[in-house]
Amino acid sequence: MHLEPEQEQQAVDHLFSLILEFLEVRDDPWALTSMYAQYHHIRTSLHGGDPS
């Protein structure tokens, strides 16, 4: 996959924002559960109901 420089920067920025979000909630089991539920919902949506 080839990304344009602007797209690459956006991807890096988004990755760092996700890392910072995780670091803020990593010690809170309820927040981690919510984060995982959001991830699972997105993944299931992208794969037409099959997250595998």
PDB file of N, CA and C in Angstrom:
ATOM      1  N   MET A   1       0.847  -1.172   0.000  1.00  0.00           N
ATOM      2  CA  MET A   1       0.000   0.000   0.000  1.00  0.00           C
ATOM      3  C   MET A   1       0.894   1.237   0.000  1.00  0.00           C
ATOM      4  N   HIS A   2       0.607   2.134  -0.893  1.00  0.00           N
ATOM      5  CA  HIS A   2       1.383   3.368  -0.985  1.00  0.00           C
ATOM      6  C   HIS A   2       0.510   4.530  -0.540  1.00  0.00           C
ATOM      7  N   LEU A   3       1.017   5.294   0.394  1.00  0.00           N
ATOM      8  CA  LEU A   3       0.295   6.463   0.889  1.00  0.00           C
ATOM      9  C   LEU A   3       1.008   7.732   0.443  1.00  0.00           C
ATOM     10  N   GLU A   4       0.220   8.723   0.161  1.00  0.00           N
ATOM     11  CA  GLU A   4       0.781  10.033  -0.114  1.00  0.00           C
ATOM     12  C   GLU A   4       1.343  10.586   1.194  1.00  0.00           C
ATOM     13  N   PRO A   5       2.304  11.511   1.130  1.00  0.00           N
ATOM     14  CA  PRO A   5       2.902  12.042   2.364  1.00  0.00           C
ATOM     15  C   PRO A   5       1.868  12.577   3.364  1.00  0.00           C
ATOM     16  N   GLU A   6       0.837  13.261   2.873  1.00  0.00           N
ATOM     17  CA  GLU A   6      -0.191  13.799   3.772  1.00  0.00           C
ATOM     18  C   GLU A   6      -0.975  12.668   4.440  1.00  0.00           C
ATOM     19  N   GLN A   7      -1.291  11.631   3.672  1.00  0.00           N
ATOM     20  CA  GLN A   7      -2.015  10.486   4.229  1.00  0.00           C
ATOM     21  C   GLN A   7      -1.160   9.761   5.268  1.00  0.00           C
ATOM     22  N   GLU A   8       0.119   9.630   4.967  1.00  0.00           N
ATOM     23  CA  GLU A   8       1.030   8.981   5.901  1.00  0.00           C
ATOM     24  C   GLU A   8       1.095   9.766   7.216  1.00  0.00           C
ATOM     25  N   GLN A   9       1.170  11.083   7.128  1.00  0.00           N
ATOM     26  CA  GLN A   9       1.217  11.908   8.332  1.00  0.00           C
ATOM     27  C   GLN A   9      -0.073  11.782   9.124  1.00  0.00           C
ATOM     28  N   GLN A  10      -1.204  11.741   8.430  1.00  0.00           N
ATOM     29  CA  GLN A  10      -2.487  11.566   9.112  1.00  0.00           C
ATOM     30  C   GLN A  10      -2.543  10.221   9.823  1.00  0.00           C
ATOM     31  N   ALA A  11      -2.035   9.176   9.182  1.00  0.00           N
ATOM     32  CA  ALA A  11      -2.019   7.846   9.794  1.00  0.00           C
ATOM     33  C   ALA A  11      -1.144   7.833  11.042  1.00  0.00           C
ATOM     34  N   VAL A  12       0.020   8.464  10.969  1.00  0.00           N
ATOM     35  CA  VAL A  12       0.923   8.535  12.119  1.00  0.00           C
ATOM     36  C   VAL A  12       0.279   9.332  13.250  1.00  0.00           C
ATOM     37  N   ASP A  13      -0.328  10.454  12.915  1.00  0.00           N
ATOM     38  CA  ASP A  13      -1.004  11.267  13.927  1.00  0.00           C
ATOM     39  C   ASP A  13      -2.119  10.483  14.605  1.00  0.00           C
ATOM     40  N   HIS A  14      -2.882   9.755  13.811  1.00  0.00           N
ATOM     41  CA  HIS A  14      -3.980   8.964  14.370  1.00  0.00           C
ATOM     42  C   HIS A  14      -3.450   7.849  15.269  1.00  0.00           C
ATOM     43  N   LEU A  15      -2.396   7.189  14.836  1.00  0.00           N
ATOM     44  CA  LEU A  15      -1.789   6.128  15.649  1.00  0.00           C
ATOM     45  C   LEU A  15      -1.341   6.676  16.999  1.00  0.00           C
ATOM     46  N   PHE A  16      -0.668   7.811  16.997  1.00  0.00           N
ATOM     47  CA  PHE A  16      -0.214   8.397  18.259  1.00  0.00           C
ATOM     48  C   PHE A  16      -1.389   8.815  19.138  1.00  0.00           C
ATOM     49  N   SER A  17      -2.470   9.303  18.530  1.00  0.00           N
ATOM     50  CA  SER A  17      -3.639   9.671  19.341  1.00  0.00           C
ATOM     51  C   SER A  17      -4.245   8.430  19.990  1.00  0.00           C
ATOM     52  N   LEU A  18      -4.260   7.307  19.266  1.00  0.00           N
ATOM     53  CA  LEU A  18      -4.766   6.067  19.847  1.00  0.00           C
ATOM     54  C   LEU A  18      -3.869   5.567  20.977  1.00  0.00           C
ATOM     55  N   ILE A  19      -2.568   5.692  20.804  1.00  0.00           N
ATOM     56  CA  ILE A  19      -1.632   5.290  21.859  1.00  0.00           C
ATOM     57  C   ILE A  19      -1.836   6.147  23.092  1.00  0.00           C
ATOM     58  N   LEU A  20      -1.965   7.445  22.912  1.00  0.00           N
ATOM     59  CA  LEU A  20      -2.194   8.338  24.054  1.00  0.00           C
ATOM     60  C   LEU A  20      -3.511   8.023  24.746  1.00  0.00           C
ATOM     61  N   GLU A  21      -4.541   7.725  23.965  1.00  0.00           N
ATOM     62  CA  GLU A  21      -5.834   7.359  24.550  1.00  0.00           C
ATOM     63  C   GLU A  21      -5.692   6.089  25.389  1.00  0.00           C
ATOM     64  N   PHE A  22      -4.982   5.100  24.855  1.00  0.00           N
ATOM     65  CA  PHE A  22      -4.771   3.859  25.604  1.00  0.00           C
ATOM     66  C   PHE A  22      -4.009   4.123  26.901  1.00  0.00           C
ATOM     67  N   LEU A  23      -2.960   4.922  26.825  1.00  0.00           N
ATOM     68  CA  LEU A  23      -2.165   5.200  28.027  1.00  0.00           C
ATOM     69  C   LEU A  23      -2.991   5.880  29.110  1.00  0.00           C
ATOM     70  N   GLU A  24      -3.980   6.679  28.699  1.00  0.00           N
ATOM     71  CA  GLU A  24      -4.832   7.366  29.669  1.00  0.00           C
ATOM     72  C   GLU A  24      -5.760   6.398  30.398  1.00  0.00           C
ATOM     73  N   VAL A  25      -6.147   5.307  29.749  1.00  0.00           N
ATOM     74  CA  VAL A  25      -7.159   4.421  30.338  1.00  0.00           C
ATOM     75  C   VAL A  25      -6.636   3.042  30.723  1.00  0.00           C
ATOM     76  N   ARG A  26      -5.387   2.766  30.520  1.00  0.00           N
ATOM     77  CA  ARG A  26      -4.880   1.399  30.679  1.00  0.00           C
ATOM     78  C   ARG A  26      -5.038   0.831  32.082  1.00  0.00           C
ATOM     79  N   ASP A  27      -5.138   1.660  33.090  1.00  0.00           N
ATOM     80  CA  ASP A  27      -5.287   1.154  34.454  1.00  0.00           C
ATOM     81  C   ASP A  27      -6.744   1.084  34.903  1.00  0.00           C
ATOM     82  N   ASP A  28      -7.660   1.413  34.017  1.00  0.00           N
ATOM     83  CA  ASP A  28      -9.088   1.400  34.339  1.00  0.00           C
ATOM     84  C   ASP A  28      -9.765   0.276  33.552  1.00  0.00           C
ATOM     85  N   PRO A  29     -10.096  -0.840  34.230  1.00  0.00           N
ATOM     86  CA  PRO A  29     -10.691  -1.980  33.512  1.00  0.00           C
ATOM     87  C   PRO A  29     -11.976  -1.631  32.759  1.00  0.00           C
ATOM     88  N   TRP A  30     -12.794  -0.733  33.324  1.00  0.00           N
ATOM     89  CA  TRP A  30     -14.040  -0.364  32.638  1.00  0.00           C
ATOM     90  C   TRP A  30     -13.746   0.419  31.365  1.00  0.00           C
ATOM     91  N   ALA A  31     -12.771   1.294  31.420  1.00  0.00           N
ATOM     92  CA  ALA A  31     -12.412   2.073  30.224  1.00  0.00           C
ATOM     93  C   ALA A  31     -11.818   1.160  29.152  1.00  0.00           C
ATOM     94  N   LEU A  32     -11.015   0.191  29.582  1.00  0.00           N
ATOM     95  CA  LEU A  32     -10.445  -0.753  28.613  1.00  0.00           C
ATOM     96  C   LEU A  32     -11.541  -1.603  27.976  1.00  0.00           C
ATOM     97  N   THR A  33     -12.522  -1.990  28.775  1.00  0.00           N
ATOM     98  CA  THR A  33     -13.639  -2.765  28.247  1.00  0.00           C
ATOM     99  C   THR A  33     -14.383  -1.963  27.194  1.00  0.00           C
ATOM    100  N   SER A  34     -14.617  -0.701  27.475  1.00  0.00           N
ATOM    101  CA  SER A  34     -15.297   0.171  26.523  1.00  0.00           C
ATOM    102  C   SER A  34     -14.474   0.335  25.247  1.00  0.00           C
ATOM    103  N   MET A  35     -13.166   0.513  25.404  1.00  0.00           N
ATOM    104  CA  MET A  35     -12.284   0.676  24.249  1.00  0.00           C
ATOM    105  C   MET A  35     -12.313  -0.588  23.384  1.00  0.00           C
ATOM    106  N   TYR A  36     -12.266  -1.759  24.029  1.00  0.00           N
ATOM    107  CA  TYR A  36     -12.306  -3.007  23.273  1.00  0.00           C
ATOM    108  C   TYR A  36     -13.650  -3.161  22.558  1.00  0.00           C
ATOM    109  N   ALA A  37     -14.738  -2.798  23.222  1.00  0.00           N
ATOM    110  CA  ALA A  37     -16.064  -2.908  22.612  1.00  0.00           C
ATOM    111  C   ALA A  37     -16.142  -2.032  21.361  1.00  0.00           C
ATOM    112  N   GLN A  38     -15.586  -0.833  21.431  1.00  0.00           N
ATOM    113  CA  GLN A  38     -15.564   0.057  20.259  1.00  0.00           C
ATOM    114  C   GLN A  38     -14.748  -0.578  19.136  1.00  0.00           C
ATOM    115  N   TYR A  39     -13.586  -1.115  19.472  1.00  0.00           N
ATOM    116  CA  TYR A  39     -12.732  -1.769  18.478  1.00  0.00           C
ATOM    117  C   TYR A  39     -13.473  -2.946  17.840  1.00  0.00           C
ATOM    118  N   HIS A  40     -14.104  -3.774  18.678  1.00  0.00           N
ATOM    119  CA  HIS A  40     -14.804  -4.957  18.179  1.00  0.00           C
ATOM    120  C   HIS A  40     -15.950  -4.548  17.246  1.00  0.00           C
ATOM    121  N   HIS A  41     -16.682  -3.502  17.612  1.00  0.00           N
ATOM    122  CA  HIS A  41     -17.777  -3.016  16.773  1.00  0.00           C
ATOM    123  C   HIS A  41     -17.260  -2.544  15.411  1.00  0.00           C
ATOM    124  N   ILE A  42     -16.184  -1.793  15.415  1.00  0.00           N
ATOM    125  CA  ILE A  42     -15.609  -1.296  14.157  1.00  0.00           C
ATOM    126  C   ILE A  42     -15.124  -2.461  13.316  1.00  0.00           C
ATOM    127  N   ARG A  43     -14.409  -3.375  13.937  1.00  0.00           N
ATOM    128  CA  ARG A  43     -13.869  -4.524  13.194  1.00  0.00           C
ATOM    129  C   ARG A  43     -14.991  -5.377  12.624  1.00  0.00           C
ATOM    130  N   THR A  44     -16.026  -5.619  13.408  1.00  0.00           N
ATOM    131  CA  THR A  44     -17.155  -6.414  12.925  1.00  0.00           C
ATOM    132  C   THR A  44     -17.848  -5.701  11.770  1.00  0.00           C
ATOM    133  N   SER A  45     -18.007  -4.391  11.871  1.00  0.00           N
ATOM    134  CA  SER A  45     -18.638  -3.620  10.808  1.00  0.00           C
ATOM    135  C   SER A  45     -17.834  -3.692   9.512  1.00  0.00           C
ATOM    136  N   LEU A  46     -16.515  -3.620   9.624  1.00  0.00           N
ATOM    137  CA  LEU A  46     -15.657  -3.644   8.448  1.00  0.00           C
ATOM    138  C   LEU A  46     -15.639  -5.007   7.767  1.00  0.00           C
ATOM    139  N   HIS A  47     -15.861  -6.058   8.540  1.00  0.00           N
ATOM    140  CA  HIS A  47     -15.764  -7.414   8.004  1.00  0.00           C
ATOM    141  C   HIS A  47     -17.140  -8.052   7.818  1.00  0.00           C
ATOM    142  N   GLY A  48     -18.163  -7.248   7.731  1.00  0.00           N
ATOM    143  CA  GLY A  48     -19.495  -7.756   7.455  1.00  0.00           C
ATOM    144  C   GLY A  48     -20.029  -8.727   8.491  1.00  0.00           C
ATOM    145  N   GLY A  49     -19.690  -8.506   9.747  1.00  0.00           N
ATOM    146  CA  GLY A  49     -20.195  -9.353  10.823  1.00  0.00           C
ATOM    147  C   GLY A  49     -19.259 -10.475  11.205  1.00  0.00           C
ATOM    148  N   ASP A  50     -18.166 -10.674  10.467  1.00  0.00           N
ATOM    149  CA  ASP A  50     -17.211 -11.739  10.792  1.00  0.00           C
ATOM    150  C   ASP A  50     -15.884 -11.109  11.178  1.00  0.00           C
ATOM    151  N   PRO A  51     -15.606 -10.972  12.485  1.00  0.00           N
ATOM    152  CA  PRO A  51     -14.394 -10.278  12.907  1.00  0.00           C
ATOM    153  C   PRO A  51     -13.107 -11.074  12.761  1.00  0.00           C
ATOM    154  N   SER A  52     -13.193 -12.311  12.290  1.00  0.00           N
ATOM    155  CA  SER A  52     -11.965 -13.132  12.182  1.00  0.00           C
ATOM    156  C   SER A  52     -11.190 -12.824  10.923  1.00  0.00           C
TER     157      SER A  52
END
